[in-house]
Amino acid sequence: MKDCSVEYALDLLTGKWQMHILWCLCQAEIIRFNELKRKLPGISNNALAKSLRELEENYICLFDYLFISS
């Protein structure tokens, strides 16, 4: 663990899209994956999914998953 809590926090948010994603998440109470993707032009599905997974693994965000069966 880092000595400085600010340095530790910044290390968790070093990805190219992390801050952009957090900004969009803070602007909406509930947002679906594709809605979020539309707000982030240029991000691929894989990059968005990876960034969201990292945010969740670092306990920065908590996600609810809705599974719809047909």
C-alpha atoms as a PDB file:
ATOM      1  CA  MET A   1       0.000   0.000   0.000  1.00  0.00           C
ATOM      2  CA  LYS A   2       1.185   3.479  -0.806  1.00  0.00           C
ATOM      3  CA  ASP A   3       2.254   5.880   1.934  1.00  0.00           C
ATOM      4  CA  CYS A   4       0.082   8.718   0.635  1.00  0.00           C
ATOM      5  CA  SER A   5      -3.658   8.131   0.299  1.00  0.00           C
ATOM      6  CA  VAL A   6      -3.919  10.622  -2.581  1.00  0.00           C
ATOM      7  CA  GLU A   7      -1.194   8.796  -4.498  1.00  0.00           C
ATOM      8  CA  TYR A   8      -2.985   5.497  -3.829  1.00  0.00           C
ATOM      9  CA  ALA A   9      -6.306   6.915  -5.076  1.00  0.00           C
ATOM     10  CA  LEU A  10      -4.707   8.300  -8.235  1.00  0.00           C
ATOM     11  CA  ASP A  11      -3.085   4.928  -8.932  1.00  0.00           C
ATOM     12  CA  LEU A  12      -6.556   3.374  -8.937  1.00  0.00           C
ATOM     13  CA  LEU A  13      -7.777   5.856 -11.545  1.00  0.00           C
ATOM     14  CA  THR A  14      -4.908   5.749 -14.011  1.00  0.00           C
ATOM     15  CA  GLY A  15      -6.748   4.186 -16.946  1.00  0.00           C
ATOM     16  CA  LYS A  16      -7.397   6.253 -20.040  1.00  0.00           C
ATOM     17  CA  TRP A  17     -11.164   6.150 -19.541  1.00  0.00           C
ATOM     18  CA  GLN A  18     -11.515   5.887 -15.751  1.00  0.00           C
ATOM     19  CA  MET A  19     -12.168   9.568 -15.005  1.00  0.00           C
ATOM     20  CA  HIS A  20     -14.460   9.974 -18.017  1.00  0.00           C
ATOM     21  CA  ILE A  21     -16.489   6.972 -16.915  1.00  0.00           C
ATOM     22  CA  LEU A  22     -16.728   8.196 -13.332  1.00  0.00           C
ATOM     23  CA  TRP A  23     -17.917  11.592 -14.536  1.00  0.00           C
ATOM     24  CA  CYS A  24     -20.685  10.004 -16.614  1.00  0.00           C
ATOM     25  CA  LEU A  25     -21.684   7.693 -13.768  1.00  0.00           C
ATOM     26  CA  CYS A  26     -21.955  10.644 -11.374  1.00  0.00           C
ATOM     27  CA  GLN A  27     -24.233  12.491 -13.808  1.00  0.00           C
ATOM     28  CA  ALA A  28     -26.815   9.677 -13.951  1.00  0.00           C
ATOM     29  CA  GLU A  29     -28.537   7.853 -11.126  1.00  0.00           C
ATOM     30  CA  ILE A  30     -29.059   4.766 -13.279  1.00  0.00           C
ATOM     31  CA  ILE A  31     -27.354   4.165 -16.608  1.00  0.00           C
ATOM     32  CA  ARG A  32     -27.175   1.138 -18.845  1.00  0.00           C
ATOM     33  CA  PHE A  33     -24.015  -0.087 -20.518  1.00  0.00           C
ATOM     34  CA  ASN A  34     -24.965   1.124 -24.013  1.00  0.00           C
ATOM     35  CA  GLU A  35     -26.124   4.510 -22.708  1.00  0.00           C
ATOM     36  CA  LEU A  36     -22.759   4.929 -21.028  1.00  0.00           C
ATOM     37  CA  LYS A  37     -20.981   3.836 -24.200  1.00  0.00           C
ATOM     38  CA  ARG A  38     -22.858   6.498 -26.218  1.00  0.00           C
ATOM     39  CA  LYS A  39     -21.639   9.172 -23.792  1.00  0.00           C
ATOM     40  CA  LEU A  40     -18.026   8.067 -24.367  1.00  0.00           C
ATOM     41  CA  PRO A  41     -17.337   8.328 -28.103  1.00  0.00           C
ATOM     42  CA  GLY A  42     -14.315   6.331 -29.159  1.00  0.00           C
ATOM     43  CA  ILE A  43     -14.413   3.708 -26.399  1.00  0.00           C
ATOM     44  CA  SER A  44     -14.781   0.074 -27.422  1.00  0.00           C
ATOM     45  CA  ASN A  45     -17.072  -2.414 -25.695  1.00  0.00           C
ATOM     46  CA  ASN A  46     -14.030  -4.278 -24.379  1.00  0.00           C
ATOM     47  CA  ALA A  47     -12.356  -1.145 -22.998  1.00  0.00           C
ATOM     48  CA  LEU A  48     -15.569  -0.021 -21.295  1.00  0.00           C
ATOM     49  CA  ALA A  49     -16.220  -3.442 -19.780  1.00  0.00           C
ATOM     50  CA  LYS A  50     -12.607  -3.702 -18.573  1.00  0.00           C
ATOM     51  CA  SER A  51     -12.669  -0.226 -17.036  1.00  0.00           C
ATOM     52  CA  LEU A  52     -15.992  -0.876 -15.293  1.00  0.00           C
ATOM     53  CA  ARG A  53     -14.651  -4.180 -13.963  1.00  0.00           C
ATOM     54  CA  GLU A  54     -11.545  -2.418 -12.592  1.00  0.00           C
ATOM     55  CA  LEU A  55     -13.664   0.263 -10.911  1.00  0.00           C
ATOM     56  CA  GLU A  56     -15.750  -2.448  -9.281  1.00  0.00           C
ATOM     57  CA  GLU A  57     -12.730  -4.530  -8.233  1.00  0.00           C
ATOM     58  CA  ASN A  58     -11.224  -1.454  -6.553  1.00  0.00           C
ATOM     59  CA  TYR A  59     -14.517  -0.761  -4.731  1.00  0.00           C
ATOM     60  CA  ILE A  60     -14.900   2.606  -6.429  1.00  0.00           C
ATOM     61  CA  CYS A  61     -18.265   1.701  -7.956  1.00  0.00           C
ATOM     62  CA  LEU A  62     -20.892  -0.888  -7.184  1.00  0.00           C
ATOM     63  CA  PHE A  63     -22.966  -2.284 -10.022  1.00  0.00           C
ATOM     64  CA  ASP A  64     -26.255  -4.132 -10.164  1.00  0.00           C
ATOM     65  CA  TYR A  65     -26.618  -6.548 -13.028  1.00  0.00           C
ATOM     66  CA  LEU A  66     -29.989  -7.106 -14.642  1.00  0.00           C
ATOM     67  CA  PHE A  67     -30.347 -10.350 -16.530  1.00  0.00           C
ATOM     68  CA  ILE A  68     -33.271 -10.554 -18.925  1.00  0.00           C
ATOM     69  CA  SER A  69     -34.324 -13.976 -20.127  1.00  0.00           C
ATOM     70  CA  SER A  70     -36.244 -14.379 -23.324  1.00  0.00           C
END
